[in-house]
């Protein structure tokens, strides 16, 4: 899916979808839809529906059916530009944590301290028929199903009147009380007021429900619940439906993110307006609109998806990628309309090259993939990822690396089945200054790791750093686990 270009007599793989210096989509070596954000311990974790290409019998990419998606993907960042891949969460199906479920869509994540311990909860939709919950002691797992059944199912009063029982959002309020938001769909002829959004209180354990669900009267509701609290006001956000008939003045247009406010997490709610147009308005390829707002280091952001990567690949068939842009509030608490673009958001800190860096932390890349370091007997992979499928001319890069007064050497932890590949280090671009080269021998196999080092020169200050690989064009060359510079 990558073209090639010439740089200093080396044929390099061209990036697709995410081009330097753009920040959107957040990653380009895989898809990720229906994003939800969790901020914990100085990092933002984005949980995504794990879109994967589907093929017909002749090997052609076909439209995304969503019916086989039973995993969620996770990436995280402390600077909003360099994103670490944490692999996938096996949610549904035979090797999933929730074996009762068949699909896992549109996650929502929460953190809560319970009995003095950090606990993490991941809510997901089993297609449109129920909402499950997983629990963990870490934002990256491992995850377990603490109740062994749906948290909300079709048979429960909390599902009454809900067409699509999916798209959860979760809020842990200032007093520690949890609330779950969910629902969607449009009953026949009820486009203007579908009345299919719900909110219900969660138990202290976050894996049970308390009392009855309350309806949220969201005009032209379609899907994609979102919930945030800002200056004591609760903001319920959602995607409007695609009804193509006349709409009353002040109603949300089709496929846009709209919002309502309340002084209570359970309502009543006042409709305010729309804040994000459909992706088609910005990127020339539409589809559904799904979002999550979050605050990080004093600034508000919106994560949303668009088919920019699949469009760049020539297959805009429902395969989506997560993007970020800034959210701004006016003095009266209203939300300004968000301008989605490929530039994305600026990094908020520099990357320290003298601390051990996970190789699957990437700003831009071409040709590579990320795979679990360890896979168990049933096929479940570890959250720890390594960079794989590295071929001749493939590369990865990281942004805003602060070398300070200067680095003297570079270390890499690699595995390789055959000798003869080279890693080239460049600054600020694929054709930037070469600061070092590393010859990579065979380590004895893909599961045999070796620490290598090489001298570097002419490196100080802040730069983007590029790792370019060279070797036999017909073979996988090397796998990269981690790297580090030394003064």
Protein backbone atom coordinates (compact mmCIF):
# COMPACT_ATOMS: atom_id res chain seq x y z
CA UNK A 1 0.00 0.00 0.00
CA UNK A 2 3.08 2.23 0.00
CA UNK A 3 4.78 3.98 -2.89
CA UNK A 4 8.51 4.63 -2.97
CA UNK A 5 10.83 7.62 -3.16
CA UNK A 6 14.54 8.14 -3.57
CA UNK A 7 16.57 9.68 -0.75
CA UNK A 8 20.37 9.73 -0.99
CA UNK A 9 20.36 6.75 -3.37
CA UNK A 10 18.20 4.71 -0.97
CA UNK A 11 14.73 3.76 -2.10
CA UNK A 12 12.38 4.53 0.79
CA UNK A 13 8.80 3.58 1.45
CA UNK A 14 6.43 6.55 1.30
CA UNK A 15 4.08 7.21 4.20
CA UNK A 16 0.36 6.75 3.61
CA UNK A 17 -2.38 8.62 5.44
CA UNK A 18 -0.22 10.43 8.00
CA UNK A 19 2.39 12.71 6.47
CA UNK A 20 5.01 14.63 8.48
CA UNK A 21 4.50 17.07 10.16
CA UNK A 22 0.77 16.26 10.46
CA UNK A 23 -0.57 14.74 13.66
CA UNK A 24 -3.68 13.19 12.08
CA UNK A 25 -4.54 10.40 12.02
CA UNK A 26 -2.79 9.61 15.29
CA UNK A 27 -1.32 6.39 13.82
CA UNK A 28 -1.08 5.08 10.27
CA UNK A 29 0.11 1.47 10.61
CA UNK A 30 -3.38 0.34 11.65
CA UNK A 31 -6.96 1.60 11.82
CA UNK A 32 -8.89 2.63 14.92
CA UNK A 33 -12.51 3.74 15.20
CA UNK A 34 -15.01 4.99 17.80
CA UNK A 35 -12.27 6.46 20.03
CA UNK A 36 -12.65 6.94 23.77
CA UNK A 37 -10.06 8.68 25.94
CA UNK A 38 -8.83 7.91 29.45
CA UNK A 39 -6.29 10.16 31.16
CA UNK A 40 -4.16 8.48 33.82
CA UNK A 41 -0.76 9.15 35.33
CA UNK A 42 0.33 11.71 32.74
CA UNK A 43 -0.78 9.75 29.68
CA UNK A 44 -3.80 9.71 27.40
CA UNK A 45 -5.05 6.25 26.49
CA UNK A 46 -7.22 5.97 23.39
CA UNK A 47 -9.39 2.86 23.16
CA UNK A 48 -10.72 2.10 19.69
CA UNK A 49 -12.91 -0.30 17.78
CA UNK A 50 -10.32 -2.42 15.99
CA UNK A 51 -11.21 -2.01 12.32
CA UNK A 52 -9.33 -4.55 10.18
CA UNK A 53 -9.53 -4.89 6.39
CA UNK A 54 -11.99 -7.48 5.12
CA UNK A 55 -11.49 -9.22 1.75
CA UNK A 56 -13.73 -10.98 -0.74
CA UNK A 57 -13.01 -14.37 -2.29
CA UNK A 58 -10.85 -12.73 -4.96
CA UNK A 59 -8.69 -10.89 -2.47
CA UNK A 60 -10.25 -7.46 -2.97
CA UNK A 61 -10.99 -5.18 -0.03
CA UNK A 62 -14.72 -5.15 0.63
CA UNK A 63 -16.91 -2.85 2.70
CA UNK A 64 -16.42 -3.05 6.44
CA UNK A 65 -19.20 -5.25 7.79
CA UNK A 66 -18.25 -4.70 11.46
CA UNK A 67 -19.64 -8.17 12.16
CA UNK A 68 -16.30 -9.84 12.85
CA UNK A 69 -14.81 -7.18 15.12
CA UNK A 70 -14.22 -8.76 18.52
CA UNK A 71 -11.13 -6.87 19.68
CA UNK A 72 -10.39 -3.32 20.76
CA UNK A 73 -7.12 -1.49 20.16
CA UNK A 74 -5.20 0.75 22.55
CA UNK A 75 -2.63 3.50 21.95
CA UNK A 76 -1.29 6.04 24.43
CA UNK A 77 0.80 9.20 24.53
CA UNK A 78 2.21 11.69 27.00
CA UNK A 79 2.77 14.37 24.34
CA UNK A 80 -0.14 13.84 21.87
CA UNK A 81 2.23 13.37 18.91
CA UNK A 82 4.27 10.24 19.65
CA UNK A 83 1.85 7.34 20.19
CA UNK A 84 2.69 4.01 21.80
CA UNK A 85 0.87 0.98 20.41
CA UNK A 86 -0.40 -1.34 23.16
CA UNK A 87 -1.89 -3.89 20.79
CA UNK A 88 -5.39 -5.28 21.05
CA UNK A 89 -7.70 -6.36 23.83
CA UNK A 90 -9.37 -9.70 23.14
CA UNK A 91 -12.87 -8.82 24.26
CA UNK A 92 -15.40 -11.16 22.66
CA UNK A 93 -15.39 -14.62 21.13
CA UNK A 94 -13.60 -17.88 22.02
CA UNK A 95 -10.38 -16.27 23.29
CA UNK A 96 -11.99 -13.09 24.55
CA UNK A 97 -12.49 -12.11 28.16
CA UNK A 98 -16.27 -11.92 27.58
CA UNK A 99 -16.98 -15.24 25.88
CA UNK A 100 -20.73 -14.58 25.96
CA UNK A 101 -20.24 -11.71 23.49
CA UNK A 102 -19.76 -11.97 19.73
CA UNK A 103 -18.57 -8.42 18.91
CA UNK A 104 -16.87 -5.51 20.64
CA UNK A 105 -17.65 -2.02 19.39
CA UNK A 106 -17.29 1.56 20.64
CA UNK A 107 -15.46 1.24 23.98
CA UNK A 108 -15.68 3.58 26.96
CA UNK A 109 -13.07 3.57 29.73
CA UNK A 110 -13.01 4.77 33.33
CA UNK A 111 -10.59 4.83 36.26
CA UNK A 112 -11.64 4.76 39.87
CA UNK A 113 -9.81 4.20 43.15
CA UNK A 114 -11.62 1.44 45.04
CA UNK A 115 -10.43 0.41 48.50
CA UNK A 116 -7.22 2.32 47.93
CA UNK A 117 -6.37 0.64 44.62
CA UNK A 118 -6.47 1.90 41.04
CA UNK A 119 -9.13 0.06 39.08
CA UNK A 120 -9.93 0.39 35.39
CA UNK A 121 -13.18 -0.43 33.63
CA UNK A 122 -13.83 -0.89 29.95
CA UNK A 123 -17.42 -0.81 28.69
CA UNK A 124 -18.19 -2.10 25.20
CA UNK A 125 -21.08 -2.85 22.90
CA UNK A 126 -21.86 -6.40 21.85
CA UNK A 127 -23.06 -5.18 18.43
CA UNK A 128 -26.32 -3.34 19.21
CA UNK A 129 -27.73 -5.96 21.56
CA UNK A 130 -26.02 -5.33 24.89
CA UNK A 131 -23.29 -3.59 26.86
CA UNK A 132 -20.57 -5.47 28.69
CA UNK A 133 -17.85 -4.46 31.11
CA UNK A 134 -14.26 -5.61 31.63
CA UNK A 135 -12.02 -4.79 34.59
CA UNK A 136 -8.28 -4.48 35.12
CA UNK A 137 -5.62 -3.19 37.49
CA UNK A 138 -3.91 -1.42 34.58
CA UNK A 139 -5.10 0.76 31.69
CA UNK A 140 -3.51 -1.76 29.29
CA UNK A 141 -4.75 -4.93 30.95
CA UNK A 142 -4.88 -7.84 31.32
CA UNK A 143 -8.66 -7.58 31.35
CA UNK A 144 -11.24 -9.90 32.88
CA UNK A 145 -15.01 -10.10 32.70
CA UNK A 146 -16.04 -9.58 36.35
CA UNK A 147 -19.71 -10.51 35.93
CA UNK A 148 -19.71 -13.07 33.10
CA UNK A 149 -22.72 -11.54 31.36
CA UNK A 150 -23.92 -8.24 29.90
CA UNK A 151 -24.08 -5.30 32.27
CA UNK A 152 -27.15 -4.16 30.32
CA UNK A 153 -29.08 -6.62 28.18
CA UNK A 154 -32.24 -6.53 26.10
CA UNK A 155 -34.25 -8.22 28.86
CA UNK A 156 -33.57 -5.48 31.39
CA UNK A 157 -35.81 -2.43 32.02
CA UNK A 158 -32.75 -0.25 31.34
CA UNK A 159 -33.00 -1.29 27.67
CA UNK A 160 -36.69 -0.48 27.26
CA UNK A 161 -37.31 1.79 24.29
CA UNK A 162 -33.68 1.70 23.13
CA UNK A 163 -33.37 0.73 19.46
CA UNK A 164 -29.61 0.20 19.44
CA UNK A 165 -28.20 -0.93 22.77
CA UNK A 166 -24.66 0.26 22.21
CA UNK A 167 -22.13 3.16 22.23
CA UNK A 168 -21.49 3.54 25.95
CA UNK A 169 -19.90 6.54 27.66
CA UNK A 170 -18.95 6.70 31.32
CA UNK A 171 -18.48 9.43 33.91
CA UNK A 172 -17.00 9.12 37.39
CA UNK A 173 -18.27 12.22 39.15
CA UNK A 174 -16.39 14.24 41.75
CA UNK A 175 -18.01 12.27 44.57
CA UNK A 176 -16.91 8.95 43.02
CA UNK A 177 -20.35 8.00 41.70
CA UNK A 178 -20.32 6.43 38.25
CA UNK A 179 -22.83 6.99 35.47
CA UNK A 180 -23.24 5.07 32.22
CA UNK A 181 -24.66 6.65 29.05
CA UNK A 182 -25.71 4.54 26.07
CA UNK A 183 -28.24 3.91 23.34
CA UNK A 184 -29.17 5.08 19.88
CA UNK A 185 -31.18 4.29 16.81
CA UNK A 186 -34.29 5.77 15.29
CA UNK A 187 -37.72 4.17 15.68
CA UNK A 188 -39.77 4.29 12.48
CA UNK A 189 -40.94 7.84 11.79
CA UNK A 190 -39.46 9.31 14.98
CA UNK A 191 -36.47 11.09 13.47
CA UNK A 192 -36.91 14.39 15.27
CA UNK A 193 -37.08 12.91 18.78
CA UNK A 194 -36.06 9.23 18.75
CA UNK A 195 -35.84 9.14 22.56
CA UNK A 196 -33.32 6.28 22.47
CA UNK A 197 -30.48 7.75 24.60
CA UNK A 198 -30.23 6.67 28.24
CA UNK A 199 -28.28 7.32 31.43
CA UNK A 200 -28.14 5.07 34.49
CA UNK A 201 -26.19 5.21 37.73
CA UNK A 202 -23.48 2.63 38.30
CA UNK A 203 -22.87 0.86 41.57
CA UNK A 204 -19.90 1.65 43.77
CA UNK A 205 -18.12 -1.30 42.14
CA UNK A 206 -18.66 0.16 38.62
CA UNK A 207 -19.85 -3.29 37.41
CA UNK A 208 -23.47 -3.06 38.53
CA UNK A 209 -26.33 -0.63 37.98
CA UNK A 210 -28.45 1.28 40.47
CA UNK A 211 -32.06 2.35 40.05
CA UNK A 212 -33.77 3.09 36.78
CA UNK A 213 -32.46 4.49 33.52
CA UNK A 214 -33.44 8.03 32.55
CA UNK A 215 -34.18 9.05 28.96
CA UNK A 216 -32.14 11.85 27.39
CA UNK A 217 -34.33 13.85 24.95
CA UNK A 218 -31.63 14.42 22.34
CA UNK A 219 -33.02 15.97 19.13
CA UNK A 220 -32.39 13.84 16.02
CA UNK A 221 -30.41 11.34 18.13
CA UNK A 222 -28.61 8.64 16.19
CA UNK A 223 -25.68 7.17 18.18
CA UNK A 224 -22.35 7.91 19.92
CA UNK A 225 -23.01 8.96 23.51
CA UNK A 226 -20.40 11.19 25.16
CA UNK A 227 -20.24 12.72 28.63
CA UNK A 228 -18.01 15.34 30.24
CA UNK A 229 -18.09 17.75 33.17
CA UNK A 230 -16.77 21.30 32.81
CA UNK A 231 -17.06 24.03 35.45
CA UNK A 232 -19.79 22.10 37.24
CA UNK A 233 -21.89 21.61 34.10
CA UNK A 234 -22.53 18.20 32.52
CA UNK A 235 -22.17 17.97 28.75
CA UNK A 236 -23.91 15.15 26.89
CA UNK A 237 -22.69 14.85 23.30
CA UNK A 238 -23.95 12.64 20.49
CA UNK A 239 -24.13 12.13 16.74
CA UNK A 240 -27.28 13.27 14.95
CA UNK A 241 -29.15 10.99 12.57
CA UNK A 242 -29.16 11.15 8.78
CA UNK A 243 -32.83 11.95 8.22
CA UNK A 244 -32.96 13.75 4.86
CA UNK A 245 -36.26 15.54 5.34
CA UNK A 246 -36.98 19.03 6.66
CA UNK A 247 -35.64 19.87 10.11
CA UNK A 248 -36.98 22.58 12.41
CA UNK A 249 -34.78 25.65 12.72
CA UNK A 250 -32.07 25.13 15.31
CA UNK A 251 -32.00 21.34 14.86
CA UNK A 252 -28.69 19.53 14.32
CA UNK A 253 -27.82 18.84 10.67
CA UNK A 254 -27.25 15.24 9.58
CA UNK A 255 -24.28 13.31 10.94
CA UNK A 256 -22.89 16.05 13.19
CA UNK A 257 -21.79 16.01 16.82
CA UNK A 258 -24.33 17.89 18.92
CA UNK A 259 -24.43 18.66 22.63
CA UNK A 260 -26.76 19.22 25.55
CA UNK A 261 -26.07 20.50 29.06
CA UNK A 262 -27.43 19.87 32.54
CA UNK A 263 -26.73 20.70 36.17
CA UNK A 264 -27.10 17.01 37.03
CA UNK A 265 -25.58 13.86 35.50
CA UNK A 266 -29.07 12.39 35.16
CA UNK A 267 -30.65 15.48 33.58
CA UNK A 268 -32.85 17.31 32.71
CA UNK A 269 -31.00 18.42 29.58
CA UNK A 270 -31.04 21.52 27.40
CA UNK A 271 -30.08 21.26 23.73
CA UNK A 272 -27.35 23.73 22.73
CA UNK A 273 -26.16 23.07 19.18
CA UNK A 274 -23.56 21.25 17.10
CA UNK A 275 -19.78 21.36 17.43
CA UNK A 276 -18.31 19.01 14.80
CA UNK A 277 -19.49 18.60 11.23
CA UNK A 278 -19.49 15.22 9.53
CA UNK A 279 -16.02 13.98 8.46
CA UNK A 280 -17.09 14.32 4.83
CA UNK A 281 -17.13 18.11 5.25
CA UNK A 282 -13.43 18.17 6.14
CA UNK A 283 -11.90 15.16 4.44
CA UNK A 284 -14.03 14.40 1.40
CA UNK A 285 -15.14 11.02 2.70
CA UNK A 286 -18.12 10.75 5.02
CA UNK A 287 -19.62 7.94 7.03
CA UNK A 288 -20.66 7.91 10.63
CA UNK A 289 -19.35 10.44 13.14
CA UNK A 290 -18.01 9.24 16.50
CA UNK A 291 -16.14 11.24 19.12
CA UNK A 292 -14.90 11.60 22.69
CA UNK A 293 -13.87 14.79 24.51
CA UNK A 294 -11.21 14.84 27.20
CA UNK A 295 -9.05 17.25 29.17
CA UNK A 296 -5.29 16.77 29.30
CA UNK A 297 -2.74 19.05 30.95
CA UNK A 298 -5.24 21.91 31.13
CA UNK A 299 -6.45 21.78 27.51
CA UNK A 300 -9.55 20.13 26.09
CA UNK A 301 -9.41 17.90 23.02
CA UNK A 302 -11.76 15.88 20.86
CA UNK A 303 -10.88 12.47 19.51
CA UNK A 304 -12.97 11.46 16.51
CA UNK A 305 -12.67 9.14 13.55
CA UNK A 306 -12.54 9.65 9.80
CA UNK A 307 -11.67 7.49 6.80
CA UNK A 308 -8.53 9.43 5.88
CA UNK A 309 -6.12 6.48 6.02
CA UNK A 310 -8.38 4.15 4.07
CA UNK A 311 -9.02 6.94 1.55
CA UNK A 312 -5.26 7.41 1.08
CA UNK A 313 -4.98 3.64 0.59
CA UNK A 314 -7.70 3.78 -2.07
CA UNK A 315 -10.22 1.77 -0.02
CA UNK A 316 -12.60 4.22 1.74
CA UNK A 317 -15.01 1.40 2.55
CA UNK A 318 -15.84 2.08 6.18
CA UNK A 319 -12.37 1.64 7.70
CA UNK A 320 -11.76 4.49 10.11
CA UNK A 321 -8.85 6.15 11.90
CA UNK A 322 -8.69 8.25 15.06
CA UNK A 323 -7.89 11.99 14.88
CA UNK A 324 -7.39 14.75 17.45
CA UNK A 325 -8.20 18.45 17.48
CA UNK A 326 -8.51 21.10 20.19
CA UNK A 327 -11.82 21.94 21.89
CA UNK A 328 -12.42 25.49 23.14
CA UNK A 329 -15.09 26.72 25.53
CA UNK A 330 -16.47 30.27 25.52
CA UNK A 331 -16.83 32.25 28.74
CA UNK A 332 -20.51 31.28 28.97
CA UNK A 333 -19.66 27.56 28.78
CA UNK A 334 -20.69 27.04 25.17
CA UNK A 335 -18.40 24.96 22.97
CA UNK A 336 -16.90 26.54 19.89
CA UNK A 337 -17.25 24.68 16.60
CA UNK A 338 -14.27 22.40 16.04
CA UNK A 339 -12.21 22.61 12.89
CA UNK A 340 -11.11 19.10 11.99
CA UNK A 341 -7.95 18.89 9.89
CA UNK A 342 -4.94 16.74 9.10
CA UNK A 343 -2.54 18.98 11.04
CA UNK A 344 -4.03 17.89 14.35
CA UNK A 345 -2.61 19.15 17.65
CA UNK A 346 0.83 20.33 18.69
CA UNK A 347 3.01 18.22 20.95
CA UNK A 348 2.91 19.36 24.57
CA UNK A 349 6.34 18.10 25.68
CA UNK A 350 9.67 16.90 24.32
CA UNK A 351 10.72 13.26 24.08
CA UNK A 352 13.63 12.22 26.32
CA UNK A 353 15.99 10.00 24.26
CA UNK A 354 18.08 9.08 27.31
CA UNK A 355 15.23 7.10 28.86
CA UNK A 356 14.48 3.68 27.39
CA UNK A 357 11.99 4.20 24.55
CA UNK A 358 9.51 1.59 23.43
CA UNK A 359 10.04 1.04 19.69
CA UNK A 360 6.29 0.96 19.12
CA UNK A 361 6.14 4.65 20.11
CA UNK A 362 5.73 6.31 16.72
CA UNK A 363 4.89 9.71 15.27
CA UNK A 364 5.17 8.77 11.58
CA UNK A 365 5.99 5.56 9.75
CA UNK A 366 5.91 3.70 6.46
CA UNK A 367 5.83 0.02 5.66
CA UNK A 368 6.02 -1.33 9.18
CA UNK A 369 3.62 -3.03 11.56
CA UNK A 370 3.44 -3.58 15.30
CA UNK A 371 2.94 -7.02 16.84
CA UNK A 372 2.83 -8.43 20.37
CA UNK A 373 6.15 -9.41 21.90
CA UNK A 374 4.54 -12.52 23.37
CA UNK A 375 1.54 -14.56 22.18
CA UNK A 376 0.05 -17.23 24.43
CA UNK A 377 -1.09 -20.70 23.37
CA UNK A 378 -4.63 -19.48 22.66
CA UNK A 379 -3.47 -16.59 20.48
CA UNK A 380 -3.75 -13.71 22.96
CA UNK A 381 -0.96 -11.18 22.55
CA UNK A 382 0.80 -9.11 25.18
CA UNK A 383 0.22 -5.37 25.53
CA UNK A 384 3.93 -4.91 24.92
CA UNK A 385 4.38 -4.40 21.19
CA UNK A 386 7.44 -4.55 18.93
CA UNK A 387 7.94 -3.07 15.48
CA UNK A 388 7.72 -5.83 12.88
CA UNK A 389 7.43 -6.45 9.14
CA UNK A 390 10.37 -4.12 8.56
CA UNK A 391 11.56 -4.30 4.97
CA UNK A 392 14.10 -2.52 2.82
CA UNK A 393 13.39 1.23 2.84
CA UNK A 394 10.80 1.08 5.63
CA UNK A 395 11.07 3.58 8.46
CA UNK A 396 9.66 4.96 11.68
CA UNK A 397 10.12 8.35 13.32
CA UNK A 398 9.48 10.19 16.56
CA UNK A 399 8.87 13.89 17.08
CA UNK A 400 10.59 16.58 19.14
CA UNK A 401 13.44 14.55 20.59
CA UNK A 402 15.44 16.67 23.04
CA UNK A 403 19.10 15.64 22.84
CA UNK A 404 20.21 18.51 25.05
CA UNK A 405 23.93 19.21 24.85
CA UNK A 406 24.57 16.09 22.82
CA UNK A 407 24.42 12.29 22.55
CA UNK A 408 27.46 10.04 22.10
CA UNK A 409 25.98 6.62 21.39
CA UNK A 410 22.80 4.81 20.40
CA UNK A 411 21.53 1.44 21.68
CA UNK A 412 18.86 -0.77 20.11
CA UNK A 413 17.32 -4.07 21.16
CA UNK A 414 16.71 -6.07 18.00
CA UNK A 415 16.06 -9.54 16.66
CA UNK A 416 16.85 -10.80 13.17
CA UNK A 417 16.79 -14.16 11.45
CA UNK A 418 19.50 -13.22 8.94
CA UNK A 419 22.50 -10.90 8.79
CA UNK A 420 22.99 -8.00 6.44
CA UNK A 421 20.60 -5.20 7.38
CA UNK A 422 21.41 -1.65 8.41
CA UNK A 423 19.67 0.96 10.56
CA UNK A 424 20.32 4.56 9.59
CA UNK A 425 19.58 7.44 11.98
CA UNK A 426 18.64 10.82 10.50
CA UNK A 427 17.46 14.14 11.90
CA UNK A 428 14.40 16.17 10.86
CA UNK A 429 13.46 14.24 7.73
CA UNK A 430 14.04 11.24 5.50
CA UNK A 431 16.77 13.23 3.76
CA UNK A 432 18.09 14.84 6.94
CA UNK A 433 21.53 14.73 8.51
CA UNK A 434 22.82 11.19 9.11
CA UNK A 435 24.00 10.99 12.73
CA UNK A 436 24.81 7.28 12.85
CA UNK A 437 24.51 3.87 11.25
CA UNK A 438 24.11 0.47 12.85
CA UNK A 439 24.87 -2.86 11.18
CA UNK A 440 22.45 -5.53 12.35
CA UNK A 441 23.69 -9.13 12.38
CA UNK A 442 21.59 -12.25 12.76
CA UNK A 443 20.60 -12.73 16.39
CA UNK A 444 19.79 -16.39 15.83
CA UNK A 445 16.07 -15.99 15.21
CA UNK A 446 13.08 -13.72 15.69
CA UNK A 447 12.72 -14.64 19.36
CA UNK A 448 16.40 -14.06 20.12
CA UNK A 449 17.05 -10.47 21.19
CA UNK A 450 20.38 -8.70 21.21
CA UNK A 451 21.54 -5.32 22.45
CA UNK A 452 23.50 -3.41 19.81
CA UNK A 453 25.19 -0.04 20.02
CA UNK A 454 26.86 2.46 17.74
CA UNK A 455 28.44 5.89 18.01
CA UNK A 456 26.50 8.97 16.91
CA UNK A 457 27.71 12.45 16.04
CA UNK A 458 26.49 16.00 15.41
CA UNK A 459 23.40 15.58 17.53
CA UNK A 460 22.18 18.12 20.08
CA UNK A 461 19.12 20.23 20.64
CA UNK A 462 15.57 19.28 19.63
CA UNK A 463 14.93 17.29 16.43
CA UNK A 464 12.58 14.81 14.85
CA UNK A 465 14.37 11.46 14.67
CA UNK A 466 14.07 9.01 11.76
CA UNK A 467 14.97 5.31 11.82
CA UNK A 468 15.52 4.04 8.25
CA UNK A 469 16.11 0.35 7.52
CA UNK A 470 18.05 -1.09 4.60
CA UNK A 471 18.69 -4.66 3.45
CA UNK A 472 17.49 -7.49 1.23
CA UNK A 473 14.33 -6.20 -0.51
CA UNK A 474 12.75 -9.65 -0.50
CA UNK A 475 12.92 -10.39 3.23
CA UNK A 476 11.78 -9.15 6.61
CA UNK A 477 14.95 -7.57 7.95
CA UNK A 478 14.70 -6.94 11.64
CA UNK A 479 12.34 -6.48 14.57
CA UNK A 480 12.83 -3.56 16.93
CA UNK A 481 11.97 -3.81 20.61
CA UNK A 482 13.36 -0.65 22.22
CA UNK A 483 16.05 2.02 21.84
CA UNK A 484 17.99 4.55 23.86
CA UNK A 485 20.69 7.22 23.46
CA UNK A 486 23.54 7.81 25.87
CA UNK A 487 25.55 10.95 26.56
